[in-house]
């Protein structure tokens, strides 16, 4: 295979969106970090639901 990948095309796992750089990282996430991230996401969703109760748009 040539140095740049198949047919000399080098596929990159990065994307720029609105000036931000996103990088695909397929490494294994430690269980503790995964659990903490899940807990934080659930807390943020609960907080949003609580704070938006009085803001009904009908």
Protein backbone atom coordinates (compact mmCIF):
# COMPACT_ATOMS: atom_id res chain seq x y z
CA UNK A 1 0.00 0.00 0.00
CA UNK A 2 1.40 3.47 -0.82
CA UNK A 3 2.49 5.77 2.04
CA UNK A 4 -0.65 7.94 1.95
CA UNK A 5 -3.02 4.98 2.23
CA UNK A 6 -4.89 3.31 -0.60
CA UNK A 7 -4.48 5.19 -3.91
CA UNK A 8 -2.36 7.81 -2.13
CA UNK A 9 -5.44 9.16 -0.30
CA UNK A 10 -4.87 9.75 3.38
CA UNK A 11 -8.11 9.65 5.36
CA UNK A 12 -8.10 11.91 8.39
CA UNK A 13 -10.24 11.41 11.46
CA UNK A 14 -10.62 15.13 12.17
CA UNK A 15 -13.37 17.57 11.25
CA UNK A 16 -13.59 21.34 11.58
CA UNK A 17 -17.02 22.75 12.35
CA UNK A 18 -17.60 26.41 13.16
CA UNK A 19 -13.94 26.97 13.92
CA UNK A 20 -13.81 24.03 16.33
CA UNK A 21 -11.68 20.96 15.77
CA UNK A 22 -13.23 17.56 16.43
CA UNK A 23 -10.99 14.49 16.57
CA UNK A 24 -12.18 10.88 16.42
CA UNK A 25 -10.58 8.97 19.24
CA UNK A 26 -11.40 5.27 19.28
CA UNK A 27 -9.34 4.39 22.35
CA UNK A 28 -11.03 2.45 25.15
CA UNK A 29 -12.53 4.76 27.77
CA UNK A 30 -11.79 3.77 31.38
CA UNK A 31 -14.93 2.56 33.16
CA UNK A 32 -14.73 5.23 35.87
CA UNK A 33 -14.57 8.08 33.33
CA UNK A 34 -17.44 6.58 31.34
CA UNK A 35 -19.54 6.32 34.52
CA UNK A 36 -18.73 9.90 35.58
CA UNK A 37 -19.62 11.23 32.12
CA UNK A 38 -22.92 9.33 32.18
CA UNK A 39 -23.73 10.67 35.64
CA UNK A 40 -22.94 14.25 34.56
CA UNK A 41 -25.11 13.93 31.44
CA UNK A 42 -28.03 12.55 33.46
CA UNK A 43 -27.68 15.36 36.03
CA UNK A 44 -27.64 17.97 33.26
CA UNK A 45 -30.81 16.52 31.73
CA UNK A 46 -32.54 16.46 35.13
CA UNK A 47 -31.48 20.05 35.80
CA UNK A 48 -32.80 21.17 32.38
CA UNK A 49 -36.15 19.48 32.98
CA UNK A 50 -36.43 21.06 36.45
CA UNK A 51 -35.49 24.55 35.24
CA UNK A 52 -37.78 24.46 32.20
CA UNK A 53 -40.95 23.38 34.05
CA UNK A 54 -42.35 26.90 34.23
CA UNK A 55 -41.38 27.79 30.66
CA UNK A 56 -44.15 26.09 28.71
CA UNK A 57 -44.60 27.49 25.22
CA UNK A 58 -48.14 26.76 24.02
